[in-house]
PDB file of N, CA and C in Angstrom:
ATOM      1  N   UNK A   1      -9.148   6.035   1.466  1.00  0.00           N
ATOM      2  CA  UNK A   1      -7.886   6.353   0.814  1.00  0.00           C
ATOM      3  C   UNK A   1      -6.856   5.265   1.136  1.00  0.00           C
ATOM      4  N   UNK A   2      -6.102   4.901   0.178  1.00  0.00           N
ATOM      5  CA  UNK A   2      -5.055   3.902   0.368  1.00  0.00           C
ATOM      6  C   UNK A   2      -3.898   4.550   1.114  1.00  0.00           C
ATOM      7  N   UNK A   3      -3.507   3.937   2.227  1.00  0.00           N
ATOM      8  CA  UNK A   3      -2.390   4.476   2.992  1.00  0.00           C
ATOM      9  C   UNK A   3      -1.233   3.501   2.950  1.00  0.00           C
ATOM     10  N   UNK A   4      -0.087   4.041   2.746  1.00  0.00           N
ATOM     11  CA  UNK A   4       1.108   3.199   2.771  1.00  0.00           C
ATOM     12  C   UNK A   4       1.885   3.648   4.003  1.00  0.00           C
ATOM     13  N   UNK A   5       1.653   2.932   5.102  1.00  0.00           N
ATOM     14  CA  UNK A   5       2.314   3.289   6.341  1.00  0.00           C
ATOM     15  C   UNK A   5       3.478   2.337   6.605  1.00  0.00           C
ATOM     16  N   UNK A   6       4.167   2.574   7.704  1.00  0.00           N
ATOM     17  CA  UNK A   6       5.349   1.788   8.036  1.00  0.00           C
ATOM     18  C   UNK A   6       5.091   0.306   8.167  1.00  0.00           C
ATOM     19  N   UNK A   7       3.914  -0.054   8.732  1.00  0.00           N
ATOM     20  CA  UNK A   7       3.604  -1.478   8.891  1.00  0.00           C
ATOM     21  C   UNK A   7       3.468  -2.173   7.539  1.00  0.00           C
ATOM     22  N   UNK A   8       2.814  -1.496   6.586  1.00  0.00           N
ATOM     23  CA  UNK A   8       2.655  -2.107   5.251  1.00  0.00           C
ATOM     24  C   UNK A   8       4.003  -2.227   4.544  1.00  0.00           C
ATOM     25  N   UNK A   9       4.851  -1.219   4.713  1.00  0.00           N
ATOM     26  CA  UNK A   9       6.176  -1.256   4.085  1.00  0.00           C
ATOM     27  C   UNK A   9       6.994  -2.404   4.662  1.00  0.00           C
ATOM     28  N   UNK A  10       6.962  -2.526   5.991  1.00  0.00           N
ATOM     29  CA  UNK A  10       7.717  -3.602   6.637  1.00  0.00           C
ATOM     30  C   UNK A  10       7.167  -4.971   6.240  1.00  0.00           C
ATOM     31  N   UNK A  11       5.830  -5.099   6.146  1.00  0.00           N
ATOM     32  CA  UNK A  11       5.216  -6.363   5.740  1.00  0.00           C
ATOM     33  C   UNK A  11       5.600  -6.718   4.305  1.00  0.00           C
ATOM     34  N   UNK A  12       5.618  -5.719   3.424  1.00  0.00           N
ATOM     35  CA  UNK A  12       6.028  -5.941   2.036  1.00  0.00           C
ATOM     36  C   UNK A  12       7.459  -6.464   1.997  1.00  0.00           C
ATOM     37  N   UNK A  13       8.308  -5.830   2.774  1.00  0.00           N
ATOM     38  CA  UNK A  13       9.712  -6.223   2.806  1.00  0.00           C
ATOM     39  C   UNK A  13       9.863  -7.642   3.344  1.00  0.00           C
ATOM     40  N   UNK A  14       9.162  -7.943   4.421  1.00  0.00           N
ATOM     41  CA  UNK A  14       9.262  -9.277   5.034  1.00  0.00           C
ATOM     42  C   UNK A  14       8.702 -10.354   4.102  1.00  0.00           C
ATOM     43  N   UNK A  15       7.603 -10.053   3.434  1.00  0.00           N
ATOM     44  CA  UNK A  15       6.978 -11.033   2.537  1.00  0.00           C
ATOM     45  C   UNK A  15       7.897 -11.408   1.381  1.00  0.00           C
ATOM     46  N   UNK A  16       8.777 -10.489   1.013  1.00  0.00           N
ATOM     47  CA  UNK A  16       9.697 -10.750  -0.095  1.00  0.00           C
ATOM     48  C   UNK A  16      11.085 -11.156   0.374  1.00  0.00           C
ATOM     49  N   UNK A  17      11.290 -11.197   1.690  1.00  0.00           N
ATOM     50  CA  UNK A  17      12.596 -11.572   2.230  1.00  0.00           C
ATOM     51  C   UNK A  17      13.674 -10.536   1.965  1.00  0.00           C
ATOM     52  N   UNK A  18      13.249  -9.268   1.844  1.00  0.00           N
ATOM     53  CA  UNK A  18      14.191  -8.188   1.549  1.00  0.00           C
ATOM     54  C   UNK A  18      14.678  -7.512   2.821  1.00  0.00           C
ATOM     55  N   UNK A  19      15.901  -7.041   2.771  1.00  0.00           N
ATOM     56  CA  UNK A  19      16.402  -6.158   3.815  1.00  0.00           C
ATOM     57  C   UNK A  19      15.923  -4.742   3.483  1.00  0.00           C
ATOM     58  N   UNK A  20      16.132  -3.827   4.409  1.00  0.00           N
ATOM     59  CA  UNK A  20      15.793  -2.433   4.117  1.00  0.00           C
ATOM     60  C   UNK A  20      16.604  -1.928   2.933  1.00  0.00           C
ATOM     61  N   UNK A  21      17.842  -2.373   2.833  1.00  0.00           N
ATOM     62  CA  UNK A  21      18.686  -1.963   1.703  1.00  0.00           C
ATOM     63  C   UNK A  21      18.154  -2.508   0.383  1.00  0.00           C
ATOM     64  N   UNK A  22      17.655  -3.761   0.409  1.00  0.00           N
ATOM     65  CA  UNK A  22      17.080  -4.349  -0.810  1.00  0.00           C
ATOM     66  C   UNK A  22      15.872  -3.542  -1.280  1.00  0.00           C
ATOM     67  N   UNK A  23      14.963  -3.253  -0.349  1.00  0.00           N
ATOM     68  CA  UNK A  23      13.777  -2.482  -0.713  1.00  0.00           C
ATOM     69  C   UNK A  23      14.171  -1.092  -1.192  1.00  0.00           C
ATOM     70  N   UNK A  24      15.122  -0.484  -0.522  1.00  0.00           N
ATOM     71  CA  UNK A  24      15.583   0.845  -0.919  1.00  0.00           C
ATOM     72  C   UNK A  24      16.093   0.835  -2.356  1.00  0.00           C
ATOM     73  N   UNK A  25      16.812  -0.221  -2.720  1.00  0.00           N
ATOM     74  CA  UNK A  25      17.329  -0.336  -4.084  1.00  0.00           C
ATOM     75  C   UNK A  25      16.186  -0.416  -5.092  1.00  0.00           C
ATOM     76  N   UNK A  26      15.139  -1.180  -4.769  1.00  0.00           N
ATOM     77  CA  UNK A  26      13.974  -1.292  -5.655  1.00  0.00           C
ATOM     78  C   UNK A  26      13.272   0.056  -5.830  1.00  0.00           C
ATOM     79  N   UNK A  27      13.330   0.882  -4.778  1.00  0.00           N
ATOM     80  CA  UNK A  27      12.598   2.146  -4.790  1.00  0.00           C
ATOM     81  C   UNK A  27      13.448   3.347  -5.182  1.00  0.00           C
ATOM     82  N   UNK A  28      14.737   3.137  -5.339  1.00  0.00           N
ATOM     83  CA  UNK A  28      15.609   4.249  -5.708  1.00  0.00           C
ATOM     84  C   UNK A  28      15.862   5.208  -4.560  1.00  0.00           C
ATOM     85  N   UNK A  29      15.956   4.663  -3.344  1.00  0.00           N
ATOM     86  CA  UNK A  29      16.241   5.488  -2.174  1.00  0.00           C
ATOM     87  C   UNK A  29      17.306   4.782  -1.344  1.00  0.00           C
ATOM     88  N   UNK A  30      17.440   5.146  -0.078  1.00  0.00           N
ATOM     89  CA  UNK A  30      18.447   4.479   0.754  1.00  0.00           C
ATOM     90  C   UNK A  30      17.789   3.790   1.945  1.00  0.00           C
ATOM     91  N   UNK A  31      18.538   2.916   2.606  1.00  0.00           N
ATOM     92  CA  UNK A  31      18.018   2.117   3.710  1.00  0.00           C
ATOM     93  C   UNK A  31      17.602   2.980   4.898  1.00  0.00           C
ATOM     94  N   UNK A  32      18.277   4.082   5.120  1.00  0.00           N
ATOM     95  CA  UNK A  32      17.919   4.985   6.223  1.00  0.00           C
ATOM     96  C   UNK A  32      16.509   5.534   6.014  1.00  0.00           C
ATOM     97  N   UNK A  33      16.191   5.887   4.780  1.00  0.00           N
ATOM     98  CA  UNK A  33      14.854   6.402   4.465  1.00  0.00           C
ATOM     99  C   UNK A  33      13.805   5.328   4.702  1.00  0.00           C
ATOM    100  N   UNK A  34      14.066   4.095   4.255  1.00  0.00           N
ATOM    101  CA  UNK A  34      13.123   2.991   4.473  1.00  0.00           C
ATOM    102  C   UNK A  34      12.937   2.779   5.972  1.00  0.00           C
ATOM    103  N   UNK A  35      14.001   2.834   6.743  1.00  0.00           N
ATOM    104  CA  UNK A  35      13.912   2.683   8.195  1.00  0.00           C
ATOM    105  C   UNK A  35      13.031   3.776   8.798  1.00  0.00           C
ATOM    106  N   UNK A  36      13.186   5.001   8.346  1.00  0.00           N
ATOM    107  CA  UNK A  36      12.361   6.112   8.854  1.00  0.00           C
ATOM    108  C   UNK A  36      10.883   5.892   8.533  1.00  0.00           C
ATOM    109  N   UNK A  37      10.598   5.410   7.329  1.00  0.00           N
ATOM    110  CA  UNK A  37       9.200   5.125   6.961  1.00  0.00           C
ATOM    111  C   UNK A  37       8.624   4.053   7.869  1.00  0.00           C
ATOM    112  N   UNK A  38       9.378   2.972   8.060  1.00  0.00           N
ATOM    113  CA  UNK A  38       8.889   1.857   8.863  1.00  0.00           C
ATOM    114  C   UNK A  38       8.652   2.258  10.308  1.00  0.00           C
ATOM    115  N   UNK A  39       9.470   3.147  10.831  1.00  0.00           N
ATOM    116  CA  UNK A  39       9.315   3.592  12.214  1.00  0.00           C
ATOM    117  C   UNK A  39       8.287   4.710  12.358  1.00  0.00           C
ATOM    118  N   UNK A  40       7.802   5.229  11.242  1.00  0.00           N
ATOM    119  CA  UNK A  40       6.817   6.307  11.292  1.00  0.00           C
ATOM    120  C   UNK A  40       7.417   7.672  11.529  1.00  0.00           C
ATOM    121  N   UNK A  41       8.737   7.772  11.423  1.00  0.00           N
ATOM    122  CA  UNK A  41       9.415   9.053  11.605  1.00  0.00           C
ATOM    123  C   UNK A  41       9.101   9.975  10.437  1.00  0.00           C
ATOM    124  N   UNK A  42       9.000   9.389   9.251  1.00  0.00           N
ATOM    125  CA  UNK A  42       8.614  10.139   8.058  1.00  0.00           C
ATOM    126  C   UNK A  42       7.737   9.236   7.201  1.00  0.00           C
ATOM    127  N   UNK A  43       7.171   9.796   6.156  1.00  0.00           N
ATOM    128  CA  UNK A  43       6.282   9.057   5.275  1.00  0.00           C
ATOM    129  C   UNK A  43       6.772   9.193   3.839  1.00  0.00           C
ATOM    130  N   UNK A  44       6.507   8.183   3.019  1.00  0.00           N
ATOM    131  CA  UNK A  44       6.951   8.251   1.624  1.00  0.00           C
ATOM    132  C   UNK A  44       6.290   9.413   0.890  1.00  0.00           C
ATOM    133  N   UNK A  45       7.065  10.063   0.062  1.00  0.00           N
ATOM    134  CA  UNK A  45       6.503  11.089  -0.820  1.00  0.00           C
ATOM    135  C   UNK A  45       5.609  10.392  -1.837  1.00  0.00           C
ATOM    136  N   UNK A  46       4.724  11.134  -2.499  1.00  0.00           N
ATOM    137  CA  UNK A  46       3.819  10.508  -3.457  1.00  0.00           C
ATOM    138  C   UNK A  46       4.536   9.669  -4.523  1.00  0.00           C
ATOM    139  N   UNK A  47       5.672  10.133  -4.993  1.00  0.00           N
ATOM    140  CA  UNK A  47       6.384   9.366  -6.025  1.00  0.00           C
ATOM    141  C   UNK A  47       6.886   8.034  -5.468  1.00  0.00           C
ATOM    142  N   UNK A  48       7.378   8.033  -4.232  1.00  0.00           N
ATOM    143  CA  UNK A  48       7.836   6.788  -3.606  1.00  0.00           C
ATOM    144  C   UNK A  48       6.651   5.902  -3.256  1.00  0.00           C
ATOM    145  N   UNK A  49       5.553   6.512  -2.795  1.00  0.00           N
ATOM    146  CA  UNK A  49       4.348   5.738  -2.463  1.00  0.00           C
ATOM    147  C   UNK A  49       3.832   5.021  -3.703  1.00  0.00           C
ATOM    148  N   UNK A  50       3.931   5.669  -4.844  1.00  0.00           N
ATOM    149  CA  UNK A  50       3.497   5.055  -6.103  1.00  0.00           C
ATOM    150  C   UNK A  50       4.356   3.829  -6.424  1.00  0.00           C
ATOM    151  N   UNK A  51       5.666   3.945  -6.214  1.00  0.00           N
ATOM    152  CA  UNK A  51       6.552   2.807  -6.477  1.00  0.00           C
ATOM    153  C   UNK A  51       6.289   1.673  -5.482  1.00  0.00           C
ATOM    154  N   UNK A  52       6.008   2.030  -4.218  1.00  0.00           N
ATOM    155  CA  UNK A  52       5.703   1.013  -3.212  1.00  0.00           C
ATOM    156  C   UNK A  52       4.403   0.302  -3.581  1.00  0.00           C
ATOM    157  N   UNK A  53       3.392   1.070  -3.965  1.00  0.00           N
ATOM    158  CA  UNK A  53       2.095   0.487  -4.338  1.00  0.00           C
ATOM    159  C   UNK A  53       2.250  -0.499  -5.488  1.00  0.00           C
ATOM    160  N   UNK A  54       3.159  -0.209  -6.392  1.00  0.00           N
ATOM    161  CA  UNK A  54       3.380  -1.109  -7.529  1.00  0.00           C
ATOM    162  C   UNK A  54       3.964  -2.446  -7.067  1.00  0.00           C
ATOM    163  N   UNK A  55       4.649  -2.454  -5.928  1.00  0.00           N
ATOM    164  CA  UNK A  55       5.250  -3.684  -5.414  1.00  0.00           C
ATOM    165  C   UNK A  55       4.288  -4.487  -4.538  1.00  0.00           C
ATOM    166  N   UNK A  56       3.206  -3.840  -4.076  1.00  0.00           N
ATOM    167  CA  UNK A  56       2.251  -4.520  -3.206  1.00  0.00           C
ATOM    168  C   UNK A  56       1.441  -5.544  -3.999  1.00  0.00           C
ATOM    169  N   UNK A  57       1.096  -6.654  -3.359  1.00  0.00           N
ATOM    170  CA  UNK A  57       0.261  -7.640  -4.054  1.00  0.00           C
ATOM    171  C   UNK A  57      -1.137  -7.077  -4.267  1.00  0.00           C
ATOM    172  N   UNK A  58      -1.854  -7.570  -5.263  1.00  0.00           N
ATOM    173  CA  UNK A  58      -3.216  -7.085  -5.469  1.00  0.00           C
ATOM    174  C   UNK A  58      -4.080  -7.435  -4.261  1.00  0.00           C
ATOM    175  N   UNK A  59      -5.096  -6.628  -3.981  1.00  0.00           N
ATOM    176  CA  UNK A  59      -5.935  -6.927  -2.823  1.00  0.00           C
ATOM    177  C   UNK A  59      -6.632  -8.270  -2.964  1.00  0.00           C
ATOM    178  N   UNK A  60      -6.759  -8.967  -1.842  1.00  0.00           N
ATOM    179  CA  UNK A  60      -7.443 -10.256  -1.842  1.00  0.00           C
ATOM    180  C   UNK A  60      -8.942 -10.002  -1.953  1.00  0.00           C
ATOM    181  N   UNK A  61      -9.644 -10.856  -2.684  1.00  0.00           N
ATOM    182  CA  UNK A  61     -11.093 -10.679  -2.756  1.00  0.00           C
ATOM    183  C   UNK A  61     -11.710 -10.862  -1.372  1.00  0.00           C
ATOM    184  N   UNK A  62     -12.675 -10.039  -1.078  1.00  0.00           N
ATOM    185  CA  UNK A  62     -13.322 -10.114   0.219  1.00  0.00           C
ATOM    186  C   UNK A  62     -14.562 -11.002   0.125  1.00  0.00           C
ATOM    187  N   UNK A  63     -14.772 -11.780   1.166  1.00  0.00           N
ATOM    188  CA  UNK A  63     -15.989 -12.588   1.243  1.00  0.00           C
ATOM    189  C   UNK A  63     -17.109 -11.693   1.753  1.00  0.00           C
ATOM    190  N   UNK A  64     -18.262 -11.839   1.170  1.00  0.00           N
ATOM    191  CA  UNK A  64     -19.412 -11.015   1.555  1.00  0.00           C
ATOM    192  C   UNK A  64     -20.284 -11.802   2.533  1.00  0.00           C
ATOM    193  N   UNK A  65     -19.889 -11.816   3.796  1.00  0.00           N
ATOM    194  CA  UNK A  65     -20.621 -12.557   4.805  1.00  0.00           C
ATOM    195  C   UNK A  65     -21.683 -11.714   5.499  1.00  0.00           C
ATOM    196  N   UNK A  66     -21.594 -10.424   5.396  1.00  0.00           N
ATOM    197  CA  UNK A  66     -22.541  -9.573   6.105  1.00  0.00           C
ATOM    198  C   UNK A  66     -23.939  -9.758   5.520  1.00  0.00           C
ATOM    199  N   UNK A  67     -24.892  -9.996   6.407  1.00  0.00           N
ATOM    200  CA  UNK A  67     -26.271 -10.163   5.962  1.00  0.00           C
ATOM    201  C   UNK A  67     -26.922  -8.809   5.698  1.00  0.00           C
ATOM    202  N   UNK A  68     -26.433  -7.794   6.375  1.00  0.00           N
ATOM    203  CA  UNK A  68     -27.019  -6.464   6.250  1.00  0.00           C
ATOM    204  C   UNK A  68     -26.573  -5.822   4.932  1.00  0.00           C
ATOM    205  N   UNK A  69     -27.520  -5.481   4.043  1.00  0.00           N
ATOM    206  CA  UNK A  69     -27.151  -4.885   2.757  1.00  0.00           C
ATOM    207  C   UNK A  69     -26.383  -3.573   2.907  1.00  0.00           C
ATOM    208  N   UNK A  70     -26.662  -2.806   3.960  1.00  0.00           N
ATOM    209  CA  UNK A  70     -25.945  -1.536   4.161  1.00  0.00           C
ATOM    210  C   UNK A  70     -24.471  -1.789   4.447  1.00  0.00           C
ATOM    211  N   UNK A  71     -24.192  -2.822   5.214  1.00  0.00           N
ATOM    212  CA  UNK A  71     -22.793  -3.161   5.512  1.00  0.00           C
ATOM    213  C   UNK A  71     -22.096  -3.608   4.230  1.00  0.00           C
ATOM    214  N   UNK A  72     -22.758  -4.419   3.422  1.00  0.00           N
ATOM    215  CA  UNK A  72     -22.165  -4.860   2.156  1.00  0.00           C
ATOM    216  C   UNK A  72     -21.888  -3.673   1.248  1.00  0.00           C
ATOM    217  N   UNK A  73     -22.815  -2.723   1.187  1.00  0.00           N
ATOM    218  CA  UNK A  73     -22.617  -1.540   0.346  1.00  0.00           C
ATOM    219  C   UNK A  73     -21.446  -0.693   0.839  1.00  0.00           C
ATOM    220  N   UNK A  74     -21.328  -0.545   2.159  1.00  0.00           N
ATOM    221  CA  UNK A  74     -20.185   0.219   2.706  1.00  0.00           C
ATOM    222  C   UNK A  74     -18.867  -0.456   2.363  1.00  0.00           C
ATOM    223  N   UNK A  75     -18.825  -1.786   2.485  1.00  0.00           N
ATOM    224  CA  UNK A  75     -17.611  -2.534   2.137  1.00  0.00           C
ATOM    225  C   UNK A  75     -17.279  -2.384   0.655  1.00  0.00           C
ATOM    226  N   UNK A  76     -18.283  -2.481  -0.196  1.00  0.00           N
ATOM    227  CA  UNK A  76     -18.070  -2.324  -1.632  1.00  0.00           C
ATOM    228  C   UNK A  76     -17.583  -0.919  -1.950  1.00  0.00           C
ATOM    229  N   UNK A  77     -18.194   0.080  -1.329  1.00  0.00           N
ATOM    230  CA  UNK A  77     -17.776   1.461  -1.535  1.00  0.00           C
ATOM    231  C   UNK A  77     -16.319   1.658  -1.113  1.00  0.00           C
ATOM    232  N   UNK A  78     -15.948   1.095   0.039  1.00  0.00           N
ATOM    233  CA  UNK A  78     -14.568   1.217   0.524  1.00  0.00           C
ATOM    234  C   UNK A  78     -13.595   0.545  -0.439  1.00  0.00           C
ATOM    235  N   UNK A  79     -13.962  -0.641  -0.929  1.00  0.00           N
ATOM    236  CA  UNK A  79     -13.086  -1.356  -1.871  1.00  0.00           C
ATOM    237  C   UNK A  79     -12.917  -0.562  -3.165  1.00  0.00           C
ATOM    238  N   UNK A  80     -13.987   0.032  -3.641  1.00  0.00           N
ATOM    239  CA  UNK A  80     -13.893   0.830  -4.873  1.00  0.00           C
ATOM    240  C   UNK A  80     -13.047   2.075  -4.668  1.00  0.00           C
ATOM    241  N   UNK A  81     -13.185   2.722  -3.502  1.00  0.00           N
ATOM    242  CA  UNK A  81     -12.348   3.899  -3.220  1.00  0.00           C
ATOM    243  C   UNK A  81     -10.872   3.523  -3.150  1.00  0.00           C
ATOM    244  N   UNK A  82     -10.568   2.379  -2.529  1.00  0.00           N
ATOM    245  CA  UNK A  82      -9.172   1.919  -2.467  1.00  0.00           C
ATOM    246  C   UNK A  82      -8.633   1.640  -3.869  1.00  0.00           C
ATOM    247  N   UNK A  83      -9.457   1.032  -4.701  1.00  0.00           N
ATOM    248  CA  UNK A  83      -9.032   0.732  -6.067  1.00  0.00           C
ATOM    249  C   UNK A  83      -8.763   2.025  -6.842  1.00  0.00           C
ATOM    250  N   UNK A  84      -9.656   3.007  -6.720  1.00  0.00           N
ATOM    251  CA  UNK A  84      -9.445   4.296  -7.411  1.00  0.00           C
ATOM    252  C   UNK A  84      -8.184   4.990  -6.915  1.00  0.00           C
ATOM    253  N   UNK A  85      -7.947   4.943  -5.597  1.00  0.00           N
ATOM    254  CA  UNK A  85      -6.750   5.573  -5.029  1.00  0.00           C
ATOM    255  C   UNK A  85      -5.487   4.896  -5.550  1.00  0.00           C
ATOM    256  N   UNK A  86      -5.506   3.575  -5.622  1.00  0.00           N
ATOM    257  CA  UNK A  86      -4.349   2.849  -6.142  1.00  0.00           C
ATOM    258  C   UNK A  86      -4.102   3.212  -7.607  1.00  0.00           C
ATOM    259  N   UNK A  87      -5.168   3.280  -8.408  1.00  0.00           N
ATOM    260  CA  UNK A  87      -5.024   3.681  -9.807  1.00  0.00           C
ATOM    261  C   UNK A  87      -4.475   5.096  -9.916  1.00  0.00           C
ATOM    262  N   UNK A  88      -4.969   6.004  -9.053  1.00  0.00           N
ATOM    263  CA  UNK A  88      -4.485   7.381  -9.077  1.00  0.00           C
ATOM    264  C   UNK A  88      -2.989   7.420  -8.752  1.00  0.00           C
ATOM    265  N   UNK A  89      -2.575   6.619  -7.754  1.00  0.00           N
ATOM    266  CA  UNK A  89      -1.167   6.584  -7.386  1.00  0.00           C
ATOM    267  C   UNK A  89      -0.302   6.002  -8.493  1.00  0.00           C
ATOM    268  N   UNK A  90      -0.885   5.100  -9.280  1.00  0.00           N
ATOM    269  CA  UNK A  90      -0.158   4.483 -10.380  1.00  0.00           C
ATOM    270  C   UNK A  90      -0.190   5.351 -11.640  1.00  0.00           C
ATOM    271  N   UNK A  91      -0.940   6.455 -11.597  1.00  0.00           N
ATOM    272  CA  UNK A  91      -1.009   7.344 -12.737  1.00  0.00           C
ATOM    273  C   UNK A  91      -1.963   6.877 -13.821  1.00  0.00           C
ATOM    274  N   UNK A  92      -2.851   5.943 -13.474  1.00  0.00           N
ATOM    275  CA  UNK A  92      -3.820   5.436 -14.440  1.00  0.00           C
ATOM    276  C   UNK A  92      -5.095   6.269 -14.368  1.00  0.00           C
ATOM    277  N   UNK A  93      -5.824   6.369 -15.461  1.00  0.00           N
ATOM    278  CA  UNK A  93      -7.097   7.106 -15.408  1.00  0.00           C
ATOM    279  C   UNK A  93      -8.088   6.388 -14.503  1.00  0.00           C
ATOM    280  N   UNK A  94      -8.867   7.162 -13.739  1.00  0.00           N
ATOM    281  CA  UNK A  94      -9.764   6.624 -12.738  1.00  0.00           C
ATOM    282  C   UNK A  94     -11.032   6.101 -13.230  1.00  0.00           C
TER     283      UNK A  94
END
């Protein structure tokens, strides 16, 4: 499952050079709420998580270095589950 935790929110903000107030404006909330998310005091509601996911960069392609086919299959399965979760959060058909 795709998780949008405080570290990812803070990384998104830092990568874009945004303050908490800037990110809050993009998400339609306030800086205090963004601060609470980043500190883990609270978590974004599904509607806010969907808006945050829309701002995240697309996942980087993974290199398949594992020689073990079972490990490669687990990685592929995990990547597909993350993709489906992101689509679900974006309201797209799975």
